[in-house]
């Protein structure tokens, strides 16, 4: 996944807007079931090549949500995406794939199954 030295240049605000645009492109049936989930853009994870992270309990593992539960988070890491992509078109594709991948974790789909489906 490493590309670098001529890393794409995109500030946090512009990258966040790109993530929102790609989220809007996802099918309604994929996002309509997302309950108590927030999407967050962060610059980097301590594991520098990590593109995204689902931080929460999959639907298949939770018993119920109660009042006052903190939302699950889907985090998209800006710098890892910029390092991995050669141009904005590739960046959009990679962000799209990352969103699908992390949303799949919300629905209880593990990495092995995502690999089988071509989303990992």
PDB file of N, CA and C in Angstrom:
ATOM      1  N   UNK A   1       0.819  -1.184   0.000  1.00  0.00           N
ATOM      2  CA  UNK A   1       0.000   0.000   0.000  1.00  0.00           C
ATOM      3  C   UNK A   1       0.867   1.253   0.000  1.00  0.00           C
ATOM      4  N   UNK A   2       2.155   1.130   0.292  1.00  0.00           N
ATOM      5  CA  UNK A   2       3.048   2.288   0.320  1.00  0.00           C
ATOM      6  C   UNK A   2       3.267   2.836  -1.085  1.00  0.00           C
ATOM      7  N   UNK A   3       3.231   4.136  -1.229  1.00  0.00           N
ATOM      8  CA  UNK A   3       3.540   4.801  -2.462  1.00  0.00           C
ATOM      9  C   UNK A   3       4.568   5.877  -2.206  1.00  0.00           C
ATOM     10  N   UNK A   4       4.313   6.864  -1.650  1.00  0.00           N
ATOM     11  CA  UNK A   4       5.001   8.054  -1.221  1.00  0.00           C
ATOM     12  C   UNK A   4       5.740   8.821  -2.273  1.00  0.00           C
ATOM     13  N   UNK A   5       7.043   9.025  -2.353  1.00  0.00           N
ATOM     14  CA  UNK A   5       7.620  10.312  -1.986  1.00  0.00           C
ATOM     15  C   UNK A   5       6.869  11.510  -2.546  1.00  0.00           C
ATOM     16  N   UNK A   6       6.172  11.361  -3.610  1.00  0.00           N
ATOM     17  CA  UNK A   6       5.418  12.486  -4.178  1.00  0.00           C
ATOM     18  C   UNK A   6       3.966  12.412  -3.689  1.00  0.00           C
ATOM     19  N   UNK A   7       3.809  12.345  -2.388  1.00  0.00           N
ATOM     20  CA  UNK A   7       2.501  12.203  -1.763  1.00  0.00           C
ATOM     21  C   UNK A   7       1.546  13.291  -2.245  1.00  0.00           C
ATOM     22  N   UNK A   8       0.314  12.897  -2.526  1.00  0.00           N
ATOM     23  CA  UNK A   8      -0.707  13.878  -2.874  1.00  0.00           C
ATOM     24  C   UNK A   8      -0.795  14.924  -1.775  1.00  0.00           C
ATOM     25  N   UNK A   9      -1.158  16.133  -2.161  1.00  0.00           N
ATOM     26  CA  UNK A   9      -1.306  17.207  -1.194  1.00  0.00           C
ATOM     27  C   UNK A   9      -2.773  17.604  -1.133  1.00  0.00           C
ATOM     28  N   UNK A  10      -3.395  17.393   0.020  1.00  0.00           N
ATOM     29  CA  UNK A  10      -4.786  17.796   0.216  1.00  0.00           C
ATOM     30  C   UNK A  10      -4.961  18.097   1.702  1.00  0.00           C
ATOM     31  N   UNK A  11      -5.434  19.298   2.003  1.00  0.00           N
ATOM     32  CA  UNK A  11      -5.586  19.650   3.416  1.00  0.00           C
ATOM     33  C   UNK A  11      -6.759  18.895   4.039  1.00  0.00           C
ATOM     34  N   UNK A  12      -6.848  18.990   5.357  1.00  0.00           N
ATOM     35  CA  UNK A  12      -7.843  18.233   6.113  1.00  0.00           C
ATOM     36  C   UNK A  12      -9.265  18.551   5.650  1.00  0.00           C
ATOM     37  N   UNK A  13      -9.557  19.829   5.471  1.00  0.00           N
ATOM     38  CA  UNK A  13     -10.903  20.248   5.079  1.00  0.00           C
ATOM     39  C   UNK A  13     -11.290  19.698   3.704  1.00  0.00           C
ATOM     40  N   UNK A  14     -10.395  19.782   2.741  1.00  0.00           N
ATOM     41  CA  UNK A  14     -10.678  19.278   1.394  1.00  0.00           C
ATOM     42  C   UNK A  14     -10.839  17.758   1.406  1.00  0.00           C
ATOM     43  N   UNK A  15     -10.010  17.067   2.181  1.00  0.00           N
ATOM     44  CA  UNK A  15     -10.122  15.614   2.275  1.00  0.00           C
ATOM     45  C   UNK A  15     -11.442  15.225   2.934  1.00  0.00           C
ATOM     46  N   UNK A  16     -11.817  15.936   3.973  1.00  0.00           N
ATOM     47  CA  UNK A  16     -13.091  15.662   4.646  1.00  0.00           C
ATOM     48  C   UNK A  16     -14.257  15.838   3.670  1.00  0.00           C
ATOM     49  N   UNK A  17     -14.203  16.868   2.837  1.00  0.00           N
ATOM     50  CA  UNK A  17     -15.247  17.084   1.833  1.00  0.00           C
ATOM     51  C   UNK A  17     -15.288  15.928   0.833  1.00  0.00           C
ATOM     52  N   UNK A  18     -14.134  15.445   0.417  1.00  0.00           N
ATOM     53  CA  UNK A  18     -14.068  14.306  -0.493  1.00  0.00           C
ATOM     54  C   UNK A  18     -14.702  13.069   0.156  1.00  0.00           C
ATOM     55  N   UNK A  19     -14.442  12.848   1.438  1.00  0.00           N
ATOM     56  CA  UNK A  19     -15.038  11.711   2.155  1.00  0.00           C
ATOM     57  C   UNK A  19     -16.559  11.844   2.178  1.00  0.00           C
ATOM     58  N   UNK A  20     -17.065  13.041   2.444  1.00  0.00           N
ATOM     59  CA  UNK A  20     -18.512  13.274   2.454  1.00  0.00           C
ATOM     60  C   UNK A  20     -19.102  12.982   1.075  1.00  0.00           C
ATOM     61  N   UNK A  21     -18.437  13.430   0.024  1.00  0.00           N
ATOM     62  CA  UNK A  21     -18.915  13.177  -1.337  1.00  0.00           C
ATOM     63  C   UNK A  21     -18.958  11.683  -1.631  1.00  0.00           C
ATOM     64  N   UNK A  22     -17.934  10.955  -1.219  1.00  0.00           N
ATOM     65  CA  UNK A  22     -17.923   9.507  -1.456  1.00  0.00           C
ATOM     66  C   UNK A  22     -18.967   8.799  -0.598  1.00  0.00           C
ATOM     67  N   UNK A  23     -19.200   9.278   0.593  1.00  0.00           N
ATOM     68  CA  UNK A  23     -20.252   8.720   1.444  1.00  0.00           C
ATOM     69  C   UNK A  23     -21.616   8.923   0.786  1.00  0.00           C
ATOM     70  N   UNK A  24     -21.829  10.087   0.190  1.00  0.00           N
ATOM     71  CA  UNK A  24     -23.083  10.375  -0.508  1.00  0.00           C
ATOM     72  C   UNK A  24     -23.289   9.481  -1.726  1.00  0.00           C
ATOM     73  N   UNK A  25     -22.208   8.955  -2.302  1.00  0.00           N
ATOM     74  CA  UNK A  25     -22.302   8.089  -3.482  1.00  0.00           C
ATOM     75  C   UNK A  25     -22.662   6.646  -3.131  1.00  0.00           C
ATOM     76  N   UNK A  26     -22.580   6.291  -1.859  1.00  0.00           N
ATOM     77  CA  UNK A  26     -22.878   4.914  -1.463  1.00  0.00           C
ATOM     78  C   UNK A  26     -24.372   4.643  -1.605  1.00  0.00           C
ATOM     79  N   UNK A  27     -24.737   3.389  -1.898  1.00  0.00           N
ATOM     80  CA  UNK A  27     -26.157   3.048  -2.054  1.00  0.00           C
ATOM     81  C   UNK A  27     -26.940   3.292  -0.758  1.00  0.00           C
ATOM     82  N   UNK A  28     -28.175   3.754  -0.909  1.00  0.00           N
ATOM     83  CA  UNK A  28     -29.018   4.030   0.255  1.00  0.00           C
ATOM     84  C   UNK A  28     -29.167   2.818   1.160  1.00  0.00           C
ATOM     85  N   UNK A  29     -29.326   1.628   0.565  1.00  0.00           N
ATOM     86  CA  UNK A  29     -29.541   0.445   1.403  1.00  0.00           C
ATOM     87  C   UNK A  29     -28.309   0.101   2.241  1.00  0.00           C
ATOM     88  N   UNK A  30     -27.153   0.622   1.872  1.00  0.00           N
ATOM     89  CA  UNK A  30     -25.945   0.395   2.668  1.00  0.00           C
ATOM     90  C   UNK A  30     -25.887   1.354   3.862  1.00  0.00           C
ATOM     91  N   UNK A  31     -26.297   2.593   3.662  1.00  0.00           N
ATOM     92  CA  UNK A  31     -26.154   3.590   4.723  1.00  0.00           C
ATOM     93  C   UNK A  31     -27.418   3.794   5.554  1.00  0.00           C
ATOM     94  N   UNK A  32     -28.571   3.410   5.027  1.00  0.00           N
ATOM     95  CA  UNK A  32     -29.816   3.629   5.767  1.00  0.00           C
ATOM     96  C   UNK A  32     -29.854   2.873   7.089  1.00  0.00           C
ATOM     97  N   UNK A  33     -29.189   1.732   7.166  1.00  0.00           N
ATOM     98  CA  UNK A  33     -29.199   0.942   8.390  1.00  0.00           C
ATOM     99  C   UNK A  33     -28.184   1.379   9.425  1.00  0.00           C
ATOM    100  N   UNK A  34     -27.355   2.351   9.091  1.00  0.00           N
ATOM    101  CA  UNK A  34     -26.341   2.819  10.040  1.00  0.00           C
ATOM    102  C   UNK A  34     -27.032   3.599  11.152  1.00  0.00           C
ATOM    103  N   UNK A  35     -26.944   3.075  12.338  1.00  0.00           N
ATOM    104  CA  UNK A  35     -27.616   3.669  13.476  1.00  0.00           C
ATOM    105  C   UNK A  35     -26.582   4.006  14.545  1.00  0.00           C
ATOM    106  N   UNK A  36     -26.585   5.232  14.998  1.00  0.00           N
ATOM    107  CA  UNK A  36     -25.674   5.672  16.047  1.00  0.00           C
ATOM    108  C   UNK A  36     -24.211   5.507  15.620  1.00  0.00           C
ATOM    109  N   UNK A  37     -23.910   5.941  14.384  1.00  0.00           N
ATOM    110  CA  UNK A  37     -22.556   5.865  13.830  1.00  0.00           C
ATOM    111  C   UNK A  37     -22.161   7.260  13.345  1.00  0.00           C
ATOM    112  N   UNK A  38     -20.948   7.672  13.684  1.00  0.00           N
ATOM    113  CA  UNK A  38     -20.420   8.930  13.162  1.00  0.00           C
ATOM    114  C   UNK A  38     -19.199   8.632  12.301  1.00  0.00           C
ATOM    115  N   UNK A  39     -19.000   9.457  11.294  1.00  0.00           N
ATOM    116  CA  UNK A  39     -17.836   9.356  10.419  1.00  0.00           C
ATOM    117  C   UNK A  39     -16.868  10.460  10.811  1.00  0.00           C
ATOM    118  N   UNK A  40     -15.601  10.084  10.966  1.00  0.00           N
ATOM    119  CA  UNK A  40     -14.580  11.008  11.441  1.00  0.00           C
ATOM    120  C   UNK A  40     -13.373  10.915  10.507  1.00  0.00           C
ATOM    121  N   UNK A  41     -12.779  12.061  10.193  1.00  0.00           N
ATOM    122  CA  UNK A  41     -11.515  12.088   9.458  1.00  0.00           C
ATOM    123  C   UNK A  41     -10.422  12.475  10.448  1.00  0.00           C
ATOM    124  N   UNK A  42      -9.383  11.665  10.499  1.00  0.00           N
ATOM    125  CA  UNK A  42      -8.203  11.977  11.303  1.00  0.00           C
ATOM    126  C   UNK A  42      -6.991  11.933  10.384  1.00  0.00           C
ATOM    127  N   UNK A  43      -5.953  12.633  10.754  1.00  0.00           N
ATOM    128  CA  UNK A  43      -4.765  12.682   9.906  1.00  0.00           C
ATOM    129  C   UNK A  43      -4.052  11.345   9.825  1.00  0.00           C
ATOM    130  N   UNK A  44      -3.861  10.697  10.979  1.00  0.00           N
ATOM    131  CA  UNK A  44      -3.098   9.444  10.940  1.00  0.00           C
ATOM    132  C   UNK A  44      -3.422   8.579  12.142  1.00  0.00           C
ATOM    133  N   UNK A  45      -3.162   7.296  11.979  1.00  0.00           N
ATOM    134  CA  UNK A  45      -3.231   6.304  13.053  1.00  0.00           C
ATOM    135  C   UNK A  45      -1.793   5.961  13.413  1.00  0.00           C
ATOM    136  N   UNK A  46      -1.558   5.431  14.595  1.00  0.00           N
ATOM    137  CA  UNK A  46      -0.185   5.051  14.968  1.00  0.00           C
ATOM    138  C   UNK A  46       0.363   3.983  14.030  1.00  0.00           C
ATOM    139  N   UNK A  47      -0.519   3.166  13.455  1.00  0.00           N
ATOM    140  CA  UNK A  47      -0.128   2.223  12.402  1.00  0.00           C
ATOM    141  C   UNK A  47      -0.277   3.003  11.092  1.00  0.00           C
ATOM    142  N   UNK A  48       0.808   3.577  10.596  1.00  0.00           N
ATOM    143  CA  UNK A  48       0.759   4.617   9.569  1.00  0.00           C
ATOM    144  C   UNK A  48       0.083   4.237   8.259  1.00  0.00           C
ATOM    145  N   UNK A  49       0.038   2.952   7.915  1.00  0.00           N
ATOM    146  CA  UNK A  49      -0.579   2.575   6.646  1.00  0.00           C
ATOM    147  C   UNK A  49      -2.058   2.216   6.782  1.00  0.00           C
ATOM    148  N   UNK A  50      -2.632   2.375   7.973  1.00  0.00           N
ATOM    149  CA  UNK A  50      -4.043   2.067   8.189  1.00  0.00           C
ATOM    150  C   UNK A  50      -4.898   3.132   7.514  1.00  0.00           C
ATOM    151  N   UNK A  51      -5.798   2.695   6.629  1.00  0.00           N
ATOM    152  CA  UNK A  51      -6.644   3.614   5.875  1.00  0.00           C
ATOM    153  C   UNK A  51      -7.914   3.981   6.620  1.00  0.00           C
ATOM    154  N   UNK A  52      -8.451   3.030   7.375  1.00  0.00           N
ATOM    155  CA  UNK A  52      -9.695   3.280   8.090  1.00  0.00           C
ATOM    156  C   UNK A  52      -9.844   2.337   9.257  1.00  0.00           C
ATOM    157  N   UNK A  53     -10.817   2.658  10.113  1.00  0.00           N
ATOM    158  CA  UNK A  53     -11.039   1.853  11.307  1.00  0.00           C
ATOM    159  C   UNK A  53     -12.501   1.957  11.710  1.00  0.00           C
ATOM    160  N   UNK A  54     -13.097   0.806  12.018  1.00  0.00           N
ATOM    161  CA  UNK A  54     -14.432   0.793  12.620  1.00  0.00           C
ATOM    162  C   UNK A  54     -14.240   0.633  14.112  1.00  0.00           C
ATOM    163  N   UNK A  55     -14.695   1.588  14.881  1.00  0.00           N
ATOM    164  CA  UNK A  55     -14.556   1.586  16.332  1.00  0.00           C
ATOM    165  C   UNK A  55     -15.949   1.464  16.940  1.00  0.00           C
ATOM    166  N   UNK A  56     -16.342   0.233  17.251  1.00  0.00           N
ATOM    167  CA  UNK A  56     -17.667   0.005  17.819  1.00  0.00           C
ATOM    168  C   UNK A  56     -17.996  -1.471  17.848  1.00  0.00           C
ATOM    169  N   UNK A  57     -19.254  -1.755  18.102  1.00  0.00           N
ATOM    170  CA  UNK A  57     -19.746  -3.135  18.136  1.00  0.00           C
ATOM    171  C   UNK A  57     -20.563  -3.407  16.879  1.00  0.00           C
ATOM    172  N   UNK A  58     -20.221  -4.493  16.194  1.00  0.00           N
ATOM    173  CA  UNK A  58     -20.981  -4.884  15.005  1.00  0.00           C
ATOM    174  C   UNK A  58     -22.419  -5.208  15.400  1.00  0.00           C
ATOM    175  N   UNK A  59     -23.339  -5.008  14.473  1.00  0.00           N
ATOM    176  CA  UNK A  59     -24.744  -5.336  14.729  1.00  0.00           C
ATOM    177  C   UNK A  59     -24.915  -6.775  15.194  1.00  0.00           C
ATOM    178  N   UNK A  60     -24.094  -7.655  14.667  1.00  0.00           N
ATOM    179  CA  UNK A  60     -24.209  -9.072  15.007  1.00  0.00           C
ATOM    180  C   UNK A  60     -23.708  -9.378  16.414  1.00  0.00           C
ATOM    181  N   UNK A  61     -23.032  -8.434  17.053  1.00  0.00           N
ATOM    182  CA  UNK A  61     -22.458  -8.672  18.379  1.00  0.00           C
ATOM    183  C   UNK A  61     -23.109  -7.851  19.485  1.00  0.00           C
ATOM    184  N   UNK A  62     -23.972  -6.944  19.146  1.00  0.00           N
ATOM    185  CA  UNK A  62     -24.553  -6.095  20.193  1.00  0.00           C
ATOM    186  C   UNK A  62     -25.904  -6.648  20.613  1.00  0.00           C
ATOM    187  N   UNK A  63     -26.193  -6.474  21.872  1.00  0.00           N
ATOM    188  CA  UNK A  63     -27.473  -6.928  22.394  1.00  0.00           C
ATOM    189  C   UNK A  63     -28.542  -5.882  22.154  1.00  0.00           C
ATOM    190  N   UNK A  64     -28.220  -4.647  22.481  1.00  0.00           N
ATOM    191  CA  UNK A  64     -29.165  -3.549  22.261  1.00  0.00           C
ATOM    192  C   UNK A  64     -28.424  -2.241  22.468  1.00  0.00           C
ATOM    193  N   UNK A  65     -29.026  -1.187  22.004  1.00  0.00           N
ATOM    194  CA  UNK A  65     -28.522   0.147  22.315  1.00  0.00           C
ATOM    195  C   UNK A  65     -29.453   0.760  23.335  1.00  0.00           C
ATOM    196  N   UNK A  66     -28.888   1.421  24.292  1.00  0.00           N
ATOM    197  CA  UNK A  66     -29.697   2.095  25.292  1.00  0.00           C
ATOM    198  C   UNK A  66     -29.526   3.591  25.182  1.00  0.00           C
ATOM    199  N   UNK A  67     -30.246   4.274  26.008  1.00  0.00           N
ATOM    200  CA  UNK A  67     -30.137   5.727  26.046  1.00  0.00           C
ATOM    201  C   UNK A  67     -28.728   6.112  26.492  1.00  0.00           C
ATOM    202  N   UNK A  68     -28.172   7.103  25.875  1.00  0.00           N
ATOM    203  CA  UNK A  68     -26.886   7.618  26.295  1.00  0.00           C
ATOM    204  C   UNK A  68     -25.676   6.868  25.771  1.00  0.00           C
ATOM    205  N   UNK A  69     -25.880   5.897  24.899  1.00  0.00           N
ATOM    206  CA  UNK A  69     -24.747   5.166  24.326  1.00  0.00           C
ATOM    207  C   UNK A  69     -23.932   6.103  23.440  1.00  0.00           C
ATOM    208  N   UNK A  70     -22.619   6.036  23.565  1.00  0.00           N
ATOM    209  CA  UNK A  70     -21.766   6.782  22.648  1.00  0.00           C
ATOM    210  C   UNK A  70     -21.868   6.152  21.267  1.00  0.00           C
ATOM    211  N   UNK A  71     -21.801   6.958  20.216  1.00  0.00           N
ATOM    212  CA  UNK A  71     -21.909   6.386  18.872  1.00  0.00           C
ATOM    213  C   UNK A  71     -20.668   5.584  18.485  1.00  0.00           C
ATOM    214  N   UNK A  72     -20.880   4.598  17.622  1.00  0.00           N
ATOM    215  CA  UNK A  72     -19.760   3.924  16.978  1.00  0.00           C
ATOM    216  C   UNK A  72     -19.112   4.949  16.052  1.00  0.00           C
ATOM    217  N   UNK A  73     -17.838   4.697  15.707  1.00  0.00           N
ATOM    218  CA  UNK A  73     -17.131   5.625  14.825  1.00  0.00           C
ATOM    219  C   UNK A  73     -16.526   4.867  13.656  1.00  0.00           C
ATOM    220  N   UNK A  74     -16.626   5.471  12.496  1.00  0.00           N
ATOM    221  CA  UNK A  74     -15.872   5.022  11.334  1.00  0.00           C
ATOM    222  C   UNK A  74     -14.866   6.132  11.056  1.00  0.00           C
ATOM    223  N   UNK A  75     -13.586   5.773  11.187  1.00  0.00           N
ATOM    224  CA  UNK A  75     -12.510   6.754  11.059  1.00  0.00           C
ATOM    225  C   UNK A  75     -11.794   6.525   9.730  1.00  0.00           C
ATOM    226  N   UNK A  76     -11.606   7.595   8.979  1.00  0.00           N
ATOM    227  CA  UNK A  76     -10.869   7.555   7.719  1.00  0.00           C
ATOM    228  C   UNK A  76      -9.594   8.370   7.927  1.00  0.00           C
ATOM    229  N   UNK A  77      -8.451   7.756   7.620  1.00  0.00           N
ATOM    230  CA  UNK A  77      -7.154   8.392   7.867  1.00  0.00           C
ATOM    231  C   UNK A  77      -6.622   9.061   6.596  1.00  0.00           C
ATOM    232  N   UNK A  78      -6.485  10.373   6.679  1.00  0.00           N
ATOM    233  CA  UNK A  78      -6.114  11.204   5.527  1.00  0.00           C
ATOM    234  C   UNK A  78      -4.718  10.886   4.996  1.00  0.00           C
ATOM    235  N   UNK A  79      -3.707  10.921   5.839  1.00  0.00           N
ATOM    236  CA  UNK A  79      -2.333  10.797   5.350  1.00  0.00           C
ATOM    237  C   UNK A  79      -2.059   9.443   4.705  1.00  0.00           C
ATOM    238  N   UNK A  80      -2.592   8.370   5.249  1.00  0.00           N
ATOM    239  CA  UNK A  80      -2.388   7.047   4.647  1.00  0.00           C
ATOM    240  C   UNK A  80      -2.999   6.995   3.251  1.00  0.00           C
ATOM    241  N   UNK A  81      -4.173   7.610   3.085  1.00  0.00           N
ATOM    242  CA  UNK A  81      -4.797   7.652   1.760  1.00  0.00           C
ATOM    243  C   UNK A  81      -3.953   8.469   0.783  1.00  0.00           C
ATOM    244  N   UNK A  82      -3.479   9.621   1.237  1.00  0.00           N
ATOM    245  CA  UNK A  82      -2.685  10.475   0.351  1.00  0.00           C
ATOM    246  C   UNK A  82      -1.379   9.799  -0.053  1.00  0.00           C
ATOM    247  N   UNK A  83      -0.786   9.046   0.865  1.00  0.00           N
ATOM    248  CA  UNK A  83       0.458   8.319   0.552  1.00  0.00           C
ATOM    249  C   UNK A  83       0.209   7.184  -0.439  1.00  0.00           C
ATOM    250  N   UNK A  84      -0.950   6.570  -0.369  1.00  0.00           N
ATOM    251  CA  UNK A  84      -1.220   5.366  -1.153  1.00  0.00           C
ATOM    252  C   UNK A  84      -1.700   5.653  -2.575  1.00  0.00           C
ATOM    253  N   UNK A  85      -2.101   6.888  -2.856  1.00  0.00           N
ATOM    254  CA  UNK A  85      -2.765   7.182  -4.129  1.00  0.00           C
ATOM    255  C   UNK A  85      -1.952   8.152  -4.985  1.00  0.00           C
ATOM    256  N   UNK A  86      -1.990   7.916  -6.291  1.00  0.00           N
ATOM    257  CA  UNK A  86      -1.214   8.725  -7.231  1.00  0.00           C
ATOM    258  C   UNK A  86      -1.941   9.990  -7.675  1.00  0.00           C
ATOM    259  N   UNK A  87      -3.279   9.962  -7.670  1.00  0.00           N
ATOM    260  CA  UNK A  87      -4.043  11.118  -8.132  1.00  0.00           C
ATOM    261  C   UNK A  87      -5.408  11.128  -7.450  1.00  0.00           C
ATOM    262  N   UNK A  88      -6.185  12.171  -7.715  1.00  0.00           N
ATOM    263  CA  UNK A  88      -7.469  12.311  -7.027  1.00  0.00           C
ATOM    264  C   UNK A  88      -8.459  11.218  -7.405  1.00  0.00           C
ATOM    265  N   UNK A  89      -8.441  10.756  -8.643  1.00  0.00           N
ATOM    266  CA  UNK A  89      -9.354   9.679  -9.039  1.00  0.00           C
ATOM    267  C   UNK A  89      -9.067   8.412  -8.235  1.00  0.00           C
ATOM    268  N   UNK A  90      -7.794   8.077  -8.108  1.00  0.00           N
ATOM    269  CA  UNK A  90      -7.416   6.907  -7.312  1.00  0.00           C
ATOM    270  C   UNK A  90      -7.766   7.129  -5.839  1.00  0.00           C
ATOM    271  N   UNK A  91      -7.587   8.352  -5.364  1.00  0.00           N
ATOM    272  CA  UNK A  91      -7.924   8.690  -3.981  1.00  0.00           C
ATOM    273  C   UNK A  91      -9.414   8.482  -3.722  1.00  0.00           C
ATOM    274  N   UNK A  92     -10.248   8.958  -4.635  1.00  0.00           N
ATOM    275  CA  UNK A  92     -11.696   8.775  -4.484  1.00  0.00           C
ATOM    276  C   UNK A  92     -12.052   7.290  -4.442  1.00  0.00           C
ATOM    277  N   UNK A  93     -11.464   6.503  -5.336  1.00  0.00           N
ATOM    278  CA  UNK A  93     -11.729   5.059  -5.348  1.00  0.00           C
ATOM    279  C   UNK A  93     -11.316   4.412  -4.029  1.00  0.00           C
ATOM    280  N   UNK A  94     -10.159   4.800  -3.516  1.00  0.00           N
ATOM    281  CA  UNK A  94      -9.657   4.200  -2.273  1.00  0.00           C
ATOM    282  C   UNK A  94     -10.506   4.614  -1.079  1.00  0.00           C
ATOM    283  N   UNK A  95     -10.924   5.872  -1.023  1.00  0.00           N
ATOM    284  CA  UNK A  95     -11.805   6.325   0.060  1.00  0.00           C
ATOM    285  C   UNK A  95     -13.132   5.579  -0.017  1.00  0.00           C
ATOM    286  N   UNK A  96     -13.670   5.426  -1.215  1.00  0.00           N
ATOM    287  CA  UNK A  96     -14.924   4.697  -1.415  1.00  0.00           C
ATOM    288  C   UNK A  96     -14.791   3.264  -0.885  1.00  0.00           C
ATOM    289  N   UNK A  97     -13.711   2.596  -1.266  1.00  0.00           N
ATOM    290  CA  UNK A  97     -13.464   1.226  -0.814  1.00  0.00           C
ATOM    291  C   UNK A  97     -13.317   1.175   0.706  1.00  0.00           C
ATOM    292  N   UNK A  98     -12.615   2.133   1.278  1.00  0.00           N
ATOM    293  CA  UNK A  98     -12.443   2.182   2.732  1.00  0.00           C
ATOM    294  C   UNK A  98     -13.787   2.348   3.430  1.00  0.00           C
ATOM    295  N   UNK A  99     -14.635   3.229   2.922  1.00  0.00           N
ATOM    296  CA  UNK A  99     -15.954   3.419   3.524  1.00  0.00           C
ATOM    297  C   UNK A  99     -16.770   2.134   3.480  1.00  0.00           C
ATOM    298  N   UNK A 100     -16.801   1.474   2.321  1.00  0.00           N
ATOM    299  CA  UNK A 100     -17.538   0.213   2.200  1.00  0.00           C
ATOM    300  C   UNK A 100     -16.986  -0.809   3.184  1.00  0.00           C
ATOM    301  N   UNK A 101     -15.667  -0.907   3.256  1.00  0.00           N
ATOM    302  CA  UNK A 101     -15.001  -1.871   4.134  1.00  0.00           C
ATOM    303  C   UNK A 101     -15.390  -1.638   5.598  1.00  0.00           C
ATOM    304  N   UNK A 102     -15.311  -0.400   6.056  1.00  0.00           N
ATOM    305  CA  UNK A 102     -15.599  -0.110   7.463  1.00  0.00           C
ATOM    306  C   UNK A 102     -17.090  -0.225   7.773  1.00  0.00           C
ATOM    307  N   UNK A 103     -17.946   0.169   6.850  1.00  0.00           N
ATOM    308  CA  UNK A 103     -19.391  -0.009   7.038  1.00  0.00           C
ATOM    309  C   UNK A 103     -19.724  -1.496   7.122  1.00  0.00           C
ATOM    310  N   UNK A 104     -19.039  -2.308   6.333  1.00  0.00           N
ATOM    311  CA  UNK A 104     -19.261  -3.759   6.387  1.00  0.00           C
ATOM    312  C   UNK A 104     -18.964  -4.297   7.782  1.00  0.00           C
ATOM    313  N   UNK A 105     -17.938  -3.766   8.438  1.00  0.00           N
ATOM    314  CA  UNK A 105     -17.648  -4.190   9.813  1.00  0.00           C
ATOM    315  C   UNK A 105     -18.812  -3.848  10.746  1.00  0.00           C
ATOM    316  N   UNK A 106     -19.466  -2.717  10.544  1.00  0.00           N
ATOM    317  CA  UNK A 106     -20.648  -2.359  11.331  1.00  0.00           C
ATOM    318  C   UNK A 106     -21.709  -3.452  11.204  1.00  0.00           C
ATOM    319  N   UNK A 107     -21.874  -3.976   9.992  1.00  0.00           N
ATOM    320  CA  UNK A 107     -22.879  -5.014   9.743  1.00  0.00           C
ATOM    321  C   UNK A 107     -22.399  -6.411  10.132  1.00  0.00           C
ATOM    322  N   UNK A 108     -21.169  -6.523  10.634  1.00  0.00           N
ATOM    323  CA  UNK A 108     -20.680  -7.809  11.121  1.00  0.00           C
ATOM    324  C   UNK A 108     -19.908  -8.626  10.108  1.00  0.00           C
ATOM    325  N   UNK A 109     -19.519  -8.027   8.996  1.00  0.00           N
ATOM    326  CA  UNK A 109     -18.750  -8.741   7.974  1.00  0.00           C
ATOM    327  C   UNK A 109     -17.269  -8.617   8.325  1.00  0.00           C
ATOM    328  N   UNK A 110     -16.584  -9.752   8.456  1.00  0.00           N
ATOM    329  CA  UNK A 110     -15.177  -9.721   8.874  1.00  0.00           C
ATOM    330  C   UNK A 110     -14.239  -9.563   7.677  1.00  0.00           C
ATOM    331  N   UNK A 111     -12.954  -9.363   7.974  1.00  0.00           N
ATOM    332  CA  UNK A 111     -11.960  -9.117   6.924  1.00  0.00           C
ATOM    333  C   UNK A 111     -11.840 -10.274   5.943  1.00  0.00           C
ATOM    334  N   UNK A 112     -11.934 -11.523   6.417  1.00  0.00           N
ATOM    335  CA  UNK A 112     -11.843 -12.671   5.510  1.00  0.00           C
ATOM    336  C   UNK A 112     -12.944 -12.622   4.461  1.00  0.00           C
ATOM    337  N   UNK A 113     -14.165 -12.347   4.904  1.00  0.00           N
ATOM    338  CA  UNK A 113     -15.291 -12.277   3.968  1.00  0.00           C
ATOM    339  C   UNK A 113     -15.133 -11.073   3.031  1.00  0.00           C
ATOM    340  N   UNK A 114     -14.641  -9.962   3.550  1.00  0.00           N
ATOM    341  CA  UNK A 114     -14.415  -8.792   2.701  1.00  0.00           C
ATOM    342  C   UNK A 114     -13.382  -9.086   1.621  1.00  0.00           C
ATOM    343  N   UNK A 115     -12.345  -9.855   1.959  1.00  0.00           N
ATOM    344  CA  UNK A 115     -11.355 -10.263   0.954  1.00  0.00           C
ATOM    345  C   UNK A 115     -12.023 -11.100  -0.130  1.00  0.00           C
ATOM    346  N   UNK A 116     -12.872 -12.039   0.278  1.00  0.00           N
ATOM    347  CA  UNK A 116     -13.590 -12.875  -0.692  1.00  0.00           C
ATOM    348  C   UNK A 116     -14.440 -12.024  -1.631  1.00  0.00           C
ATOM    349  N   UNK A 117     -15.027 -10.962  -1.096  1.00  0.00           N
ATOM    350  CA  UNK A 117     -15.907 -10.096  -1.879  1.00  0.00           C
ATOM    351  C   UNK A 117     -15.156  -9.025  -2.668  1.00  0.00           C
ATOM    352  N   UNK A 118     -13.840  -8.910  -2.433  1.00  0.00           N
ATOM    353  CA  UNK A 118     -13.035  -7.922  -3.143  1.00  0.00           C
ATOM    354  C   UNK A 118     -13.066  -6.530  -2.547  1.00  0.00           C
ATOM    355  N   UNK A 119     -13.440  -6.400  -1.275  1.00  0.00           N
ATOM    356  CA  UNK A 119     -13.533  -5.102  -0.618  1.00  0.00           C
ATOM    357  C   UNK A 119     -12.480  -4.919   0.461  1.00  0.00           C
ATOM    358  N   UNK A 120     -11.386  -5.643   0.363  1.00  0.00           N
ATOM    359  CA  UNK A 120     -10.362  -5.506   1.408  1.00  0.00           C
ATOM    360  C   UNK A 120      -9.016  -5.202   0.801  1.00  0.00           C
TER     361      UNK A 120
END
